[in-house]
Structures are given as structure tokens and as C-alpha cells.
mmCIF file of all heavy atoms, coordinates in Angstrom:
data_MODEL
# 
_entry.id   MODEL 
# 
loop_
_atom_site.group_PDB 
_atom_site.id 
_atom_site.type_symbol 
_atom_site.label_atom_id 
_atom_site.label_alt_id 
_atom_site.label_comp_id 
_atom_site.label_asym_id 
_atom_site.label_entity_id 
_atom_site.label_seq_id 
_atom_site.pdbx_PDB_ins_code 
_atom_site.Cartn_x 
_atom_site.Cartn_y 
_atom_site.Cartn_z 
_atom_site.occupancy 
_atom_site.B_iso_or_equiv 
_atom_site.pdbx_formal_charge 
_atom_site.auth_seq_id 
_atom_site.auth_comp_id 
_atom_site.auth_asym_id 
_atom_site.auth_atom_id 
_atom_site.pdbx_PDB_model_num 
ATOM 1   N N   . SER A 1 1  ? 6.607   26.652 -74.002  1.00 0.00 ? 1  SER A N   1 
ATOM 2   C CA  . SER A 1 1  ? 6.223   28.017 -73.643  1.00 0.00 ? 1  SER A CA  1 
ATOM 3   C C   . SER A 1 1  ? 5.401   28.610 -74.781  1.00 0.00 ? 1  SER A C   1 
ATOM 4   O O   . SER A 1 1  ? 5.612   28.308 -75.948  1.00 0.00 ? 1  SER A O   1 
ATOM 5   C CB  . SER A 1 1  ? 7.465   28.867 -73.380  1.00 0.00 ? 1  SER A CB  1 
ATOM 6   O OG  . SER A 1 1  ? 8.265   28.922 -74.538  1.00 0.00 ? 1  SER A OG  1 
ATOM 7   N N   . HIS A 1 2  ? 4.448   29.456 -74.432  1.00 0.00 ? 2  HIS A N   1 
ATOM 8   C CA  . HIS A 1 2  ? 3.557   30.048 -75.417  1.00 0.00 ? 2  HIS A CA  1 
ATOM 9   C C   . HIS A 1 2  ? 4.260   31.156 -76.178  1.00 0.00 ? 2  HIS A C   1 
ATOM 10  O O   . HIS A 1 2  ? 5.140   31.841 -75.648  1.00 0.00 ? 2  HIS A O   1 
ATOM 11  C CB  . HIS A 1 2  ? 2.307   30.595 -74.736  1.00 0.00 ? 2  HIS A CB  1 
ATOM 12  C CG  . HIS A 1 2  ? 1.471   29.524 -74.116  1.00 0.00 ? 2  HIS A CG  1 
ATOM 13  N ND1 . HIS A 1 2  ? 0.684   28.688 -74.861  1.00 0.00 ? 2  HIS A ND1 1 
ATOM 14  C CD2 . HIS A 1 2  ? 1.320   29.133 -72.837  1.00 0.00 ? 2  HIS A CD2 1 
ATOM 15  C CE1 . HIS A 1 2  ? 0.065   27.834 -74.069  1.00 0.00 ? 2  HIS A CE1 1 
ATOM 16  N NE2 . HIS A 1 2  ? 0.445   28.084 -72.823  1.00 0.00 ? 2  HIS A NE2 1 
ATOM 17  N N   . ARG A 1 3  ? 3.844   31.332 -77.422  1.00 0.00 ? 3  ARG A N   1 
ATOM 18  C CA  . ARG A 1 3  ? 4.399   32.399 -78.252  1.00 0.00 ? 3  ARG A CA  1 
ATOM 19  C C   . ARG A 1 3  ? 3.898   33.748 -77.767  1.00 0.00 ? 3  ARG A C   1 
ATOM 20  O O   . ARG A 1 3  ? 2.778   33.867 -77.287  1.00 0.00 ? 3  ARG A O   1 
ATOM 21  C CB  . ARG A 1 3  ? 3.945   32.212 -79.690  1.00 0.00 ? 3  ARG A CB  1 
ATOM 22  C CG  . ARG A 1 3  ? 4.542   31.034 -80.361  1.00 0.00 ? 3  ARG A CG  1 
ATOM 23  C CD  . ARG A 1 3  ? 3.907   30.773 -81.700  1.00 0.00 ? 3  ARG A CD  1 
ATOM 24  N NE  . ARG A 1 3  ? 4.106   31.882 -82.616  1.00 0.00 ? 3  ARG A NE  1 
ATOM 25  C CZ  . ARG A 1 3  ? 3.667   31.879 -83.858  1.00 0.00 ? 3  ARG A CZ  1 
ATOM 26  N NH1 . ARG A 1 3  ? 2.996   30.858 -84.330  1.00 0.00 ? 3  ARG A NH1 1 
ATOM 27  N NH2 . ARG A 1 3  ? 3.877   32.910 -84.634  1.00 0.00 ? 3  ARG A NH2 1 
ATOM 28  N N   . ASN A 1 4  ? 4.743   34.744 -77.933  1.00 0.00 ? 4  ASN A N   1 
ATOM 29  C CA  . ASN A 1 4  ? 4.348   36.114 -77.632  1.00 0.00 ? 4  ASN A CA  1 
ATOM 30  C C   . ASN A 1 4  ? 4.351   36.884 -78.948  1.00 0.00 ? 4  ASN A C   1 
ATOM 31  O O   . ASN A 1 4  ? 5.389   37.376 -79.388  1.00 0.00 ? 4  ASN A O   1 
ATOM 32  C CB  . ASN A 1 4  ? 5.299   36.734 -76.613  1.00 0.00 ? 4  ASN A CB  1 
ATOM 33  C CG  . ASN A 1 4  ? 4.817   38.092 -76.159  1.00 0.00 ? 4  ASN A CG  1 
ATOM 34  O OD1 . ASN A 1 4  ? 3.823   38.604 -76.641  1.00 0.00 ? 4  ASN A OD1 1 
ATOM 35  N ND2 . ASN A 1 4  ? 5.537   38.683 -75.224  1.00 0.00 ? 4  ASN A ND2 1 
ATOM 36  N N   . ILE A 1 5  ? 3.197   36.968 -79.568  1.00 0.00 ? 5  ILE A N   1 
ATOM 37  C CA  . ILE A 1 5  ? 3.064   37.601 -80.881  1.00 0.00 ? 5  ILE A CA  1 
ATOM 38  C C   . ILE A 1 5  ? 3.505   39.063 -80.845  1.00 0.00 ? 5  ILE A C   1 
ATOM 39  O O   . ILE A 1 5  ? 4.060   39.562 -81.810  1.00 0.00 ? 5  ILE A O   1 
ATOM 40  C CB  . ILE A 1 5  ? 1.606   37.477 -81.387  1.00 0.00 ? 5  ILE A CB  1 
ATOM 41  C CG1 . ILE A 1 5  ? 1.215   36.013 -81.552  1.00 0.00 ? 5  ILE A CG1 1 
ATOM 42  C CG2 . ILE A 1 5  ? 1.395   38.231 -82.686  1.00 0.00 ? 5  ILE A CG2 1 
ATOM 43  C CD1 . ILE A 1 5  ? 1.972   35.223 -82.563  1.00 0.00 ? 5  ILE A CD1 1 
ATOM 44  N N   . THR A 1 6  ? 3.291   39.738 -79.729  1.00 0.00 ? 6  THR A N   1 
ATOM 45  C CA  . THR A 1 6  ? 3.642   41.166 -79.647  1.00 0.00 ? 6  THR A CA  1 
ATOM 46  C C   . THR A 1 6  ? 5.132   41.402 -79.827  1.00 0.00 ? 6  THR A C   1 
ATOM 47  O O   . THR A 1 6  ? 5.533   42.447 -80.329  1.00 0.00 ? 6  THR A O   1 
ATOM 48  C CB  . THR A 1 6  ? 3.188   41.774 -78.307  1.00 0.00 ? 6  THR A CB  1 
ATOM 49  O OG1 . THR A 1 6  ? 3.798   41.058 -77.233  1.00 0.00 ? 6  THR A OG1 1 
ATOM 50  C CG2 . THR A 1 6  ? 1.693   41.733 -78.166  1.00 0.00 ? 6  THR A CG2 1 
ATOM 51  N N   . THR A 1 7  ? 5.969   40.443 -79.453  1.00 0.00 ? 7  THR A N   1 
ATOM 52  C CA  . THR A 1 7  ? 7.417   40.631 -79.584  1.00 0.00 ? 7  THR A CA  1 
ATOM 53  C C   . THR A 1 7  ? 7.998   40.001 -80.840  1.00 0.00 ? 7  THR A C   1 
ATOM 54  O O   . THR A 1 7  ? 9.150   40.249 -81.175  1.00 0.00 ? 7  THR A O   1 
ATOM 55  C CB  . THR A 1 7  ? 8.156   40.040 -78.359  1.00 0.00 ? 7  THR A CB  1 
ATOM 56  O OG1 . THR A 1 7  ? 7.858   38.635 -78.274  1.00 0.00 ? 7  THR A OG1 1 
ATOM 57  C CG2 . THR A 1 7  ? 7.732   40.734 -77.081  1.00 0.00 ? 7  THR A CG2 1 
ATOM 58  N N   . GLU A 1 8  ? 7.211   39.204 -81.540  1.00 0.00 ? 8  GLU A N   1 
ATOM 59  C CA  . GLU A 1 8  ? 7.703   38.551 -82.756  1.00 0.00 ? 8  GLU A CA  1 
ATOM 60  C C   . GLU A 1 8  ? 7.797   39.551 -83.908  1.00 0.00 ? 8  GLU A C   1 
ATOM 61  O O   . GLU A 1 8  ? 7.009   40.487 -83.996  1.00 0.00 ? 8  GLU A O   1 
ATOM 62  C CB  . GLU A 1 8  ? 6.779   37.407 -83.179  1.00 0.00 ? 8  GLU A CB  1 
ATOM 63  C CG  . GLU A 1 8  ? 6.902   36.194 -82.322  1.00 0.00 ? 8  GLU A CG  1 
ATOM 64  C CD  . GLU A 1 8  ? 6.106   35.021 -82.857  1.00 0.00 ? 8  GLU A CD  1 
ATOM 65  O OE1 . GLU A 1 8  ? 5.758   35.007 -84.067  1.00 0.00 ? 8  GLU A OE1 1 
ATOM 66  O OE2 . GLU A 1 8  ? 5.832   34.106 -82.072  1.00 0.00 ? 8  GLU A OE2 1 
ATOM 67  N N   . THR A 1 9  ? 8.751   39.299 -84.787  1.00 0.00 ? 9  THR A N   1 
ATOM 68  C CA  . THR A 1 9  ? 8.849   40.123 -85.993  1.00 0.00 ? 9  THR A CA  1 
ATOM 69  C C   . THR A 1 9  ? 7.790   39.673 -86.984  1.00 0.00 ? 9  THR A C   1 
ATOM 70  O O   . THR A 1 9  ? 7.414   38.505 -87.029  1.00 0.00 ? 9  THR A O   1 
ATOM 71  C CB  . THR A 1 9  ? 10.245  40.017 -86.645  1.00 0.00 ? 9  THR A CB  1 
ATOM 72  O OG1 . THR A 1 9  ? 10.512  38.649 -86.935  1.00 0.00 ? 9  THR A OG1 1 
ATOM 73  C CG2 . THR A 1 9  ? 11.323  40.568 -85.742  1.00 0.00 ? 9  THR A CG2 1 
ATOM 74  N N   . VAL A 1 10 ? 7.328   40.595 -87.783  1.00 0.00 ? 10 VAL A N   1 
ATOM 75  C CA  . VAL A 1 10 ? 6.269   40.339 -88.749  1.00 0.00 ? 10 VAL A CA  1 
ATOM 76  C C   . VAL A 1 10 ? 6.843   39.614 -89.963  1.00 0.00 ? 10 VAL A C   1 
ATOM 77  O O   . VAL A 1 10 ? 7.844   40.044 -90.536  1.00 0.00 ? 10 VAL A O   1 
ATOM 78  C CB  . VAL A 1 10 ? 5.611   41.668 -89.176  1.00 0.00 ? 10 VAL A CB  1 
ATOM 79  C CG1 . VAL A 1 10 ? 4.595   41.454 -90.263  1.00 0.00 ? 10 VAL A CG1 1 
ATOM 80  C CG2 . VAL A 1 10 ? 4.986   42.345 -87.979  1.00 0.00 ? 10 VAL A CG2 1 
ATOM 81  N N   . ALA A 1 11 ? 6.209   38.510 -90.348  1.00 0.00 ? 11 ALA A N   1 
ATOM 82  C CA  . ALA A 1 11 ? 6.650   37.757 -91.520  1.00 0.00 ? 11 ALA A CA  1 
ATOM 83  C C   . ALA A 1 11 ? 6.081   38.362 -92.802  1.00 0.00 ? 11 ALA A C   1 
ATOM 84  O O   . ALA A 1 11 ? 6.748   38.368 -93.839  1.00 0.00 ? 11 ALA A O   1 
ATOM 85  C CB  . ALA A 1 11 ? 6.233   36.297 -91.393  1.00 0.00 ? 11 ALA A CB  1 
ATOM 86  N N   . PHE A 1 12 ? 4.847   38.868 -92.743  1.00 0.00 ? 12 PHE A N   1 
ATOM 87  C CA  . PHE A 1 12 ? 4.182   39.458 -93.905  1.00 0.00 ? 12 PHE A CA  1 
ATOM 88  C C   . PHE A 1 12 ? 3.399   40.680 -93.462  1.00 0.00 ? 12 PHE A C   1 
ATOM 89  O O   . PHE A 1 12 ? 2.826   40.691 -92.377  1.00 0.00 ? 12 PHE A O   1 
ATOM 90  C CB  . PHE A 1 12 ? 3.207   38.462 -94.549  1.00 0.00 ? 12 PHE A CB  1 
ATOM 91  C CG  . PHE A 1 12 ? 3.866   37.198 -95.021  1.00 0.00 ? 12 PHE A CG  1 
ATOM 92  C CD1 . PHE A 1 12 ? 3.824   36.055 -94.240  1.00 0.00 ? 12 PHE A CD1 1 
ATOM 93  C CD2 . PHE A 1 12 ? 4.519   37.148 -96.237  1.00 0.00 ? 12 PHE A CD2 1 
ATOM 94  C CE1 . PHE A 1 12 ? 4.424   34.879 -94.661  1.00 0.00 ? 12 PHE A CE1 1 
ATOM 95  C CE2 . PHE A 1 12 ? 5.123   35.979 -96.676  1.00 0.00 ? 12 PHE A CE2 1 
ATOM 96  C CZ  . PHE A 1 12 ? 5.077   34.845 -95.887  1.00 0.00 ? 12 PHE A CZ  1 
ATOM 97  N N   . SER A 1 13 ? 3.352   41.690 -94.332  1.00 0.00 ? 13 SER A N   1 
ATOM 98  C CA  . SER A 1 13 ? 2.576   42.888 -94.060  1.00 0.00 ? 13 SER A CA  1 
ATOM 99  C C   . SER A 1 13 ? 1.831   43.275 -95.334  1.00 0.00 ? 13 SER A C   1 
ATOM 100 O O   . SER A 1 13 ? 2.465   43.616 -96.338  1.00 0.00 ? 13 SER A O   1 
ATOM 101 C CB  . SER A 1 13 ? 3.479   44.026 -93.597  1.00 0.00 ? 13 SER A CB  1 
ATOM 102 O OG  . SER A 1 13 ? 2.712   45.164 -93.308  1.00 0.00 ? 13 SER A OG  1 
ATOM 103 N N   . LEU A 1 14 ? 0.498   43.199 -95.297  1.00 0.00 ? 14 LEU A N   1 
ATOM 104 C CA  . LEU A 1 14 ? -0.315  43.552 -96.460  1.00 0.00 ? 14 LEU A CA  1 
ATOM 105 C C   . LEU A 1 14 ? -1.736  43.868 -96.019  1.00 0.00 ? 14 LEU A C   1 
ATOM 106 O O   . LEU A 1 14 ? -2.135  43.552 -94.903  1.00 0.00 ? 14 LEU A O   1 
ATOM 107 C CB  . LEU A 1 14 ? -0.298  42.439 -97.503  1.00 0.00 ? 14 LEU A CB  1 
ATOM 108 C CG  . LEU A 1 14 ? -0.804  41.057 -97.155  1.00 0.00 ? 14 LEU A CG  1 
ATOM 109 C CD1 . LEU A 1 14 ? -0.977  40.273 -98.451  1.00 0.00 ? 14 LEU A CD1 1 
ATOM 110 C CD2 . LEU A 1 14 ? 0.157   40.294 -96.292  1.00 0.00 ? 14 LEU A CD2 1 
ATOM 111 N N   . SER A 1 15 ? -2.467  44.512 -96.915  1.00 0.00 ? 15 SER A N   1 
ATOM 112 C CA  . SER A 1 15 ? -3.832  44.909 -96.562  1.00 0.00 ? 15 SER A CA  1 
ATOM 113 C C   . SER A 1 15 ? -4.739  43.688 -96.491  1.00 0.00 ? 15 SER A C   1 
ATOM 114 O O   . SER A 1 15 ? -4.436  42.635 -97.063  1.00 0.00 ? 15 SER A O   1 
ATOM 115 C CB  . SER A 1 15 ? -4.378  45.908 -97.584  1.00 0.00 ? 15 SER A CB  1 
ATOM 116 O OG  . SER A 1 15 ? -4.714  45.243 -98.780  1.00 0.00 ? 15 SER A OG  1 
ATOM 117 N N   . ALA A 1 16 ? -5.861  43.855 -95.821  1.00 0.00 ? 16 ALA A N   1 
ATOM 118 C CA  . ALA A 1 16 ? -6.830  42.765 -95.695  1.00 0.00 ? 16 ALA A CA  1 
ATOM 119 C C   . ALA A 1 16 ? -7.352  42.354 -97.068  1.00 0.00 ? 16 ALA A C   1 
ATOM 120 O O   . ALA A 1 16 ? -7.535  41.168 -97.346  1.00 0.00 ? 16 ALA A O   1 
ATOM 121 C CB  . ALA A 1 16 ? -7.980  43.198 -94.788  1.00 0.00 ? 16 ALA A CB  1 
ATOM 122 N N   . ILE A 1 17 ? -7.548  43.312 -97.941  1.00 0.00 ? 17 ILE A N   1 
ATOM 123 C CA  . ILE A 1 17 ? -8.050  43.020 -99.288  1.00 0.00 ? 17 ILE A CA  1 
ATOM 124 C C   . ILE A 1 17 ? -7.000  42.260 -100.104 1.00 0.00 ? 17 ILE A C   1 
ATOM 125 O O   . ILE A 1 17 ? -7.326  41.291 -100.797 1.00 0.00 ? 17 ILE A O   1 
ATOM 126 C CB  . ILE A 1 17 ? -8.487  44.322 -99.994  1.00 0.00 ? 17 ILE A CB  1 
ATOM 127 C CG1 . ILE A 1 17 ? -9.714  44.884 -99.268  1.00 0.00 ? 17 ILE A CG1 1 
ATOM 128 C CG2 . ILE A 1 17 ? -8.784  44.077 -101.463 1.00 0.00 ? 17 ILE A CG2 1 
ATOM 129 C CD1 . ILE A 1 17 ? -10.151 46.253 -99.721  1.00 0.00 ? 17 ILE A CD1 1 
ATOM 130 N N   . GLN A 1 18 ? -5.729  42.666 -100.012 1.00 0.00 ? 18 GLN A N   1 
ATOM 131 C CA  . GLN A 1 18 ? -4.658  41.951 -100.724 1.00 0.00 ? 18 GLN A CA  1 
ATOM 132 C C   . GLN A 1 18 ? -4.536  40.518 -100.223 1.00 0.00 ? 18 GLN A C   1 
ATOM 133 O O   . GLN A 1 18 ? -4.392  39.582 -101.012 1.00 0.00 ? 18 GLN A O   1 
ATOM 134 C CB  . GLN A 1 18 ? -3.312  42.660 -100.536 1.00 0.00 ? 18 GLN A CB  1 
ATOM 135 C CG  . GLN A 1 18 ? -3.185  43.968 -101.245 1.00 0.00 ? 18 GLN A CG  1 
ATOM 136 C CD  . GLN A 1 18 ? -1.916  44.707 -100.815 1.00 0.00 ? 18 GLN A CD  1 
ATOM 137 O OE1 . GLN A 1 18 ? -1.534  44.672 -99.651  1.00 0.00 ? 18 GLN A OE1 1 
ATOM 138 N NE2 . GLN A 1 18 ? -1.288  45.382 -101.762 1.00 0.00 ? 18 GLN A NE2 1 
ATOM 139 N N   . LEU A 1 19 ? -4.593  40.356 -98.921  1.00 0.00 ? 19 LEU A N   1 
ATOM 140 C CA  . LEU A 1 19 ? -4.495  39.030 -98.313  1.00 0.00 ? 19 LEU A CA  1 
ATOM 141 C C   . LEU A 1 19 ? -5.649  38.143 -98.790  1.00 0.00 ? 19 LEU A C   1 
ATOM 142 O O   . LEU A 1 19 ? -5.439  36.996 -99.196  1.00 0.00 ? 19 LEU A O   1 
ATOM 143 C CB  . LEU A 1 19 ? -4.503  39.162 -96.784  1.00 0.00 ? 19 LEU A CB  1 
ATOM 144 C CG  . LEU A 1 19 ? -4.221  37.928 -95.952  1.00 0.00 ? 19 LEU A CG  1 
ATOM 145 C CD1 . LEU A 1 19 ? -2.843  37.364 -96.256  1.00 0.00 ? 19 LEU A CD1 1 
ATOM 146 C CD2 . LEU A 1 19 ? -4.324  38.261 -94.469  1.00 0.00 ? 19 LEU A CD2 1 
ATOM 147 N N   . HIS A 1 20 ? -6.849  38.681 -98.784  1.00 0.00 ? 20 HIS A N   1 
ATOM 148 C CA  . HIS A 1 20 ? -8.015  37.928 -99.242  1.00 0.00 ? 20 HIS A CA  1 
ATOM 149 C C   . HIS A 1 20 ? -7.901  37.570 -100.721 1.00 0.00 ? 20 HIS A C   1 
ATOM 150 O O   . HIS A 1 20 ? -8.229  36.454 -101.130 1.00 0.00 ? 20 HIS A O   1 
ATOM 151 C CB  . HIS A 1 20 ? -9.291  38.728 -98.977  1.00 0.00 ? 20 HIS A CB  1 
ATOM 152 C CG  . HIS A 1 20 ? -10.531 37.970 -99.272  1.00 0.00 ? 20 HIS A CG  1 
ATOM 153 N ND1 . HIS A 1 20 ? -11.179 38.081 -100.481 1.00 0.00 ? 20 HIS A ND1 1 
ATOM 154 C CD2 . HIS A 1 20 ? -11.230 37.067 -98.529  1.00 0.00 ? 20 HIS A CD2 1 
ATOM 155 C CE1 . HIS A 1 20 ? -12.236 37.289 -100.465 1.00 0.00 ? 20 HIS A CE1 1 
ATOM 156 N NE2 . HIS A 1 20 ? -12.288 36.671 -99.297  1.00 0.00 ? 20 HIS A NE2 1 
ATOM 157 N N   . ARG A 1 21 ? -7.430  38.500 -101.528 1.00 0.00 ? 21 ARG A N   1 
ATOM 158 C CA  . ARG A 1 21 ? -7.267  38.267 -102.966 1.00 0.00 ? 21 ARG A CA  1 
ATOM 159 C C   . ARG A 1 21 ? -6.311  37.099 -103.222 1.00 0.00 ? 21 ARG A C   1 
ATOM 160 O O   . ARG A 1 21 ? -6.556  36.265 -104.096 1.00 0.00 ? 21 ARG A O   1 
ATOM 161 C CB  . ARG A 1 21 ? -6.760  39.536 -103.642 1.00 0.00 ? 21 ARG A CB  1 
ATOM 162 C CG  . ARG A 1 21 ? -6.899  39.516 -105.153 1.00 0.00 ? 21 ARG A CG  1 
ATOM 163 C CD  . ARG A 1 21 ? -6.518  40.844 -105.787 1.00 0.00 ? 21 ARG A CD  1 
ATOM 164 N NE  . ARG A 1 21 ? -7.389  41.905 -105.300 1.00 0.00 ? 21 ARG A NE  1 
ATOM 165 C CZ  . ARG A 1 21 ? -6.967  43.122 -104.936 1.00 0.00 ? 21 ARG A CZ  1 
ATOM 166 N NH1 . ARG A 1 21 ? -5.699  43.433 -104.992 1.00 0.00 ? 21 ARG A NH1 1 
ATOM 167 N NH2 . ARG A 1 21 ? -7.810  44.015 -104.508 1.00 0.00 ? 21 ARG A NH2 1 
ATOM 168 N N   . GLU A 1 22 ? -5.231  37.027 -102.460 1.00 0.00 ? 22 GLU A N   1 
ATOM 169 C CA  . GLU A 1 22 ? -4.284  35.919 -102.608 1.00 0.00 ? 22 GLU A CA  1 
ATOM 170 C C   . GLU A 1 22 ? -4.969  34.579 -102.351 1.00 0.00 ? 22 GLU A C   1 
ATOM 171 O O   . GLU A 1 22 ? -4.737  33.611 -103.062 1.00 0.00 ? 22 GLU A O   1 
ATOM 172 C CB  . GLU A 1 22 ? -3.097  36.075 -101.651 1.00 0.00 ? 22 GLU A CB  1 
ATOM 173 C CG  . GLU A 1 22 ? -2.080  37.075 -102.109 1.00 0.00 ? 22 GLU A CG  1 
ATOM 174 C CD  . GLU A 1 22 ? -0.798  37.002 -101.301 1.00 0.00 ? 22 GLU A CD  1 
ATOM 175 O OE1 . GLU A 1 22 ? -0.407  35.896 -100.889 1.00 0.00 ? 22 GLU A OE1 1 
ATOM 176 O OE2 . GLU A 1 22 ? -0.189  38.062 -101.086 1.00 0.00 ? 22 GLU A OE2 1 
ATOM 177 N N   . PHE A 1 23 ? -5.813  34.526 -101.340 1.00 0.00 ? 23 PHE A N   1 
ATOM 178 C CA  . PHE A 1 23 ? -6.493  33.278 -101.007 1.00 0.00 ? 23 PHE A CA  1 
ATOM 179 C C   . PHE A 1 23 ? -7.562  32.911 -102.022 1.00 0.00 ? 23 PHE A C   1 
ATOM 180 O O   . PHE A 1 23 ? -7.832  31.739 -102.239 1.00 0.00 ? 23 PHE A O   1 
ATOM 181 C CB  . PHE A 1 23 ? -7.080  33.337 -99.592  1.00 0.00 ? 23 PHE A CB  1 
ATOM 182 C CG  . PHE A 1 23 ? -6.063  33.016 -98.559  1.00 0.00 ? 23 PHE A CG  1 
ATOM 183 C CD1 . PHE A 1 23 ? -5.234  34.005 -98.062  1.00 0.00 ? 23 PHE A CD1 1 
ATOM 184 C CD2 . PHE A 1 23 ? -5.898  31.723 -98.103  1.00 0.00 ? 23 PHE A CD2 1 
ATOM 185 C CE1 . PHE A 1 23 ? -4.275  33.720 -97.117  1.00 0.00 ? 23 PHE A CE1 1 
ATOM 186 C CE2 . PHE A 1 23 ? -4.943  31.421 -97.165  1.00 0.00 ? 23 PHE A CE2 1 
ATOM 187 C CZ  . PHE A 1 23 ? -4.123  32.415 -96.670  1.00 0.00 ? 23 PHE A CZ  1 
ATOM 188 N N   . MET A 1 24 ? -8.171  33.881 -102.641 1.00 0.00 ? 24 MET A N   1 
ATOM 189 C CA  . MET A 1 24 ? -9.164  33.584 -103.664 1.00 0.00 ? 24 MET A CA  1 
ATOM 190 C C   . MET A 1 24 ? -8.491  33.004 -104.911 1.00 0.00 ? 24 MET A C   1 
ATOM 191 O O   . MET A 1 24 ? -9.084  32.205 -105.621 1.00 0.00 ? 24 MET A O   1 
ATOM 192 C CB  . MET A 1 24 ? -9.969  34.838 -104.024 1.00 0.00 ? 24 MET A CB  1 
ATOM 193 C CG  . MET A 1 24 ? -10.818 35.350 -102.869 1.00 0.00 ? 24 MET A CG  1 
ATOM 194 S SD  . MET A 1 24 ? -11.836 34.095 -102.051 1.00 0.00 ? 24 MET A SD  1 
ATOM 195 C CE  . MET A 1 24 ? -12.962 33.676 -103.342 1.00 0.00 ? 24 MET A CE  1 
ATOM 196 N N   . ASN A 1 25 ? -7.244  33.381 -105.163 1.00 0.00 ? 25 ASN A N   1 
ATOM 197 C CA  . ASN A 1 25 ? -6.504  32.854 -106.315 1.00 0.00 ? 25 ASN A CA  1 
ATOM 198 C C   . ASN A 1 25 ? -6.027  31.426 -106.080 1.00 0.00 ? 25 ASN A C   1 
ATOM 199 O O   . ASN A 1 25 ? -6.129  30.583 -106.963 1.00 0.00 ? 25 ASN A O   1 
ATOM 200 C CB  . ASN A 1 25 ? -5.311  33.750 -106.662 1.00 0.00 ? 25 ASN A CB  1 
ATOM 201 C CG  . ASN A 1 25 ? -5.749  35.078 -107.227 1.00 0.00 ? 25 ASN A CG  1 
ATOM 202 O OD1 . ASN A 1 25 ? -6.834  35.196 -107.793 1.00 0.00 ? 25 ASN A OD1 1 
ATOM 203 N ND2 . ASN A 1 25 ? -4.925  36.090 -107.059 1.00 0.00 ? 25 ASN A ND2 1 
ATOM 204 N N   . ASP A 1 26 ? -5.454  31.156 -104.897 1.00 0.00 ? 26 ASP A N   1 
ATOM 205 C CA  . ASP A 1 26 ? -4.926  29.815 -104.600 1.00 0.00 ? 26 ASP A CA  1 
ATOM 206 C C   . ASP A 1 26 ? -4.893  29.623 -103.087 1.00 0.00 ? 26 ASP A C   1 
ATOM 207 O O   . ASP A 1 26 ? -3.868  29.857 -102.450 1.00 0.00 ? 26 ASP A O   1 
ATOM 208 C CB  . ASP A 1 26 ? -3.534  29.651 -105.204 1.00 0.00 ? 26 ASP A CB  1 
ATOM 209 C CG  . ASP A 1 26 ? -3.001  28.234 -105.095 1.00 0.00 ? 26 ASP A CG  1 
ATOM 210 O OD1 . ASP A 1 26 ? -3.734  27.357 -104.591 1.00 0.00 ? 26 ASP A OD1 1 
ATOM 211 O OD2 . ASP A 1 26 ? -1.860  27.993 -105.519 1.00 0.00 ? 26 ASP A OD2 1 
# 
């Protein structure tokens, strides 16, 4: 069965800039 993202709990919550910064580091 397919996932329903709308009902799933959020694993991480952060700004787009913070998320991008993490990826630029590692």
C-alpha cells in the first residue's frame, strides 16, 4: 500500500536554508 504523507508524523522540521546548509557540509 502507498504511503500517505499527509497523515504521517514529521521526522524533521527545519528551514529550507538550514536543510541545504546541512547537505553542503556533508
